[in-house]
Amino acid sequence: MTIRIPHTLSDGVGRSPEGAASLATLADRISVASARWEIEVAGLFVDEASCSWVAPCRQSNGAPSVLKISFLSPESFHEIHGLAFWDPTLQCD
């Protein structure tokens, strides 16, 4: 799978060795998530992302969805709890 990594993401996350290693595995992470949740990725939402990769998707039943791959940062530690608060049906890992 060929993915586009926004320059702001590579400039932000990619500054550290850990972040660069995470970016190197991003395509694999997207592929695993796509297969697990039976979604088809359809591009990027924004080119200005600095802490996560976010893309519109389509579920196997045709319903729209979103795939968000976050990278470790203080801002992301509790983000999953906030997302689950707004949508308790959310599938998160």
Protein backbone atom coordinates (compact mmCIF):
# COMPACT_ATOMS: atom_id res chain seq x y z
CA MET A 1 0.00 0.00 0.00
CA THR A 2 1.34 3.42 -0.93
CA ILE A 3 0.43 6.13 1.54
CA ARG A 4 1.19 9.80 1.69
CA ILE A 5 2.71 11.15 4.87
CA PRO A 6 2.09 14.88 5.34
CA HIS A 7 5.35 16.81 5.69
CA THR A 8 4.06 18.27 8.96
CA LEU A 9 3.71 14.74 10.35
CA SER A 10 7.19 13.68 9.26
CA ASP A 11 8.63 16.99 10.50
CA GLY A 12 6.85 16.62 13.85
CA VAL A 13 6.74 12.93 14.71
CA GLY A 14 9.76 12.09 12.59
CA ARG A 15 12.11 14.29 14.60
CA SER A 16 12.75 11.61 17.20
CA PRO A 17 14.18 8.15 16.51
CA GLU A 18 11.02 6.58 17.99
CA GLY A 19 8.80 8.72 15.80
CA ALA A 20 10.81 7.96 12.68
CA ALA A 21 10.52 4.23 13.48
CA SER A 22 6.74 4.61 13.89
CA LEU A 23 6.45 6.40 10.56
CA ALA A 24 8.45 3.61 8.92
CA THR A 25 5.77 1.10 9.98
CA LEU A 26 2.78 3.35 9.19
CA ALA A 27 1.84 1.60 5.94
CA ASP A 28 1.82 -1.77 7.73
CA ARG A 29 -0.30 -0.38 10.58
CA ILE A 30 -2.81 1.02 8.09
CA SER A 31 -2.92 -2.29 6.22
CA VAL A 32 -3.53 -4.28 9.42
CA ALA A 33 -6.26 -1.87 10.59
CA SER A 34 -7.91 -1.91 7.15
CA ALA A 35 -8.07 -5.70 7.13
CA ARG A 36 -9.17 -5.95 10.76
CA TRP A 37 -12.07 -3.52 10.39
CA GLU A 38 -12.79 -4.32 6.73
CA ILE A 39 -12.38 -0.75 5.55
CA GLU A 40 -11.01 0.83 2.40
CA VAL A 41 -8.86 3.91 2.91
CA ALA A 42 -9.71 6.78 0.56
CA GLY A 43 -6.95 9.38 0.97
CA LEU A 44 -6.14 11.88 3.71
CA PHE A 45 -8.30 14.39 5.52
CA VAL A 46 -5.65 17.04 6.10
CA ASP A 47 -2.11 17.78 5.08
CA GLU A 48 -1.32 19.61 8.31
CA ALA A 49 -1.40 16.66 10.73
CA SER A 50 1.40 16.70 13.29
CA CYS A 51 0.58 13.86 15.73
CA SER A 52 -1.63 11.44 13.80
CA TRP A 53 -2.51 10.15 10.35
CA VAL A 54 -6.25 10.48 9.62
CA ALA A 55 -8.11 9.29 6.55
CA PRO A 56 -11.69 8.90 5.34
CA CYS A 57 -12.65 5.28 4.75
CA ARG A 58 -15.52 3.16 3.54
CA GLN A 59 -16.68 0.10 5.49
CA SER A 60 -17.45 -3.15 3.68
CA ASN A 61 -21.18 -2.34 3.98
CA GLY A 62 -20.63 1.03 2.28
CA ALA A 63 -20.89 3.15 5.43
CA PRO A 64 -18.40 5.99 5.78
CA SER A 65 -15.83 5.81 8.57
CA VAL A 66 -12.51 7.29 9.65
CA LEU A 67 -9.17 5.66 10.37
CA LYS A 68 -6.90 7.52 12.76
CA ILE A 69 -3.40 6.26 13.52
CA SER A 70 -1.98 8.22 16.46
CA PHE A 71 1.62 8.45 17.53
CA LEU A 72 2.73 8.57 21.13
CA SER A 73 2.61 12.07 22.49
CA PRO A 74 1.33 13.61 25.72
CA GLU A 75 -1.71 14.86 23.81
CA SER A 76 -2.67 11.38 22.62
CA PHE A 77 -2.45 9.44 25.89
CA HIS A 78 -6.12 9.91 26.82
CA GLU A 79 -7.58 10.77 23.45
CA ILE A 80 -9.22 7.37 23.06
CA HIS A 81 -11.27 8.02 26.22
CA GLY A 82 -12.53 11.31 24.80
CA LEU A 83 -13.47 9.73 21.49
CA ALA A 84 -15.28 6.88 23.27
CA PHE A 85 -17.17 9.43 25.40
CA TRP A 86 -18.58 11.06 22.27
CA ASP A 87 -19.35 7.75 20.58
CA PRO A 88 -19.56 4.69 22.88
CA THR A 89 -19.91 2.41 19.83
CA LEU A 90 -16.48 3.42 18.60
CA GLN A 91 -14.05 0.59 17.78
CA CYS A 92 -10.68 1.57 19.23
CA ASP A 93 -7.38 -0.11 19.89
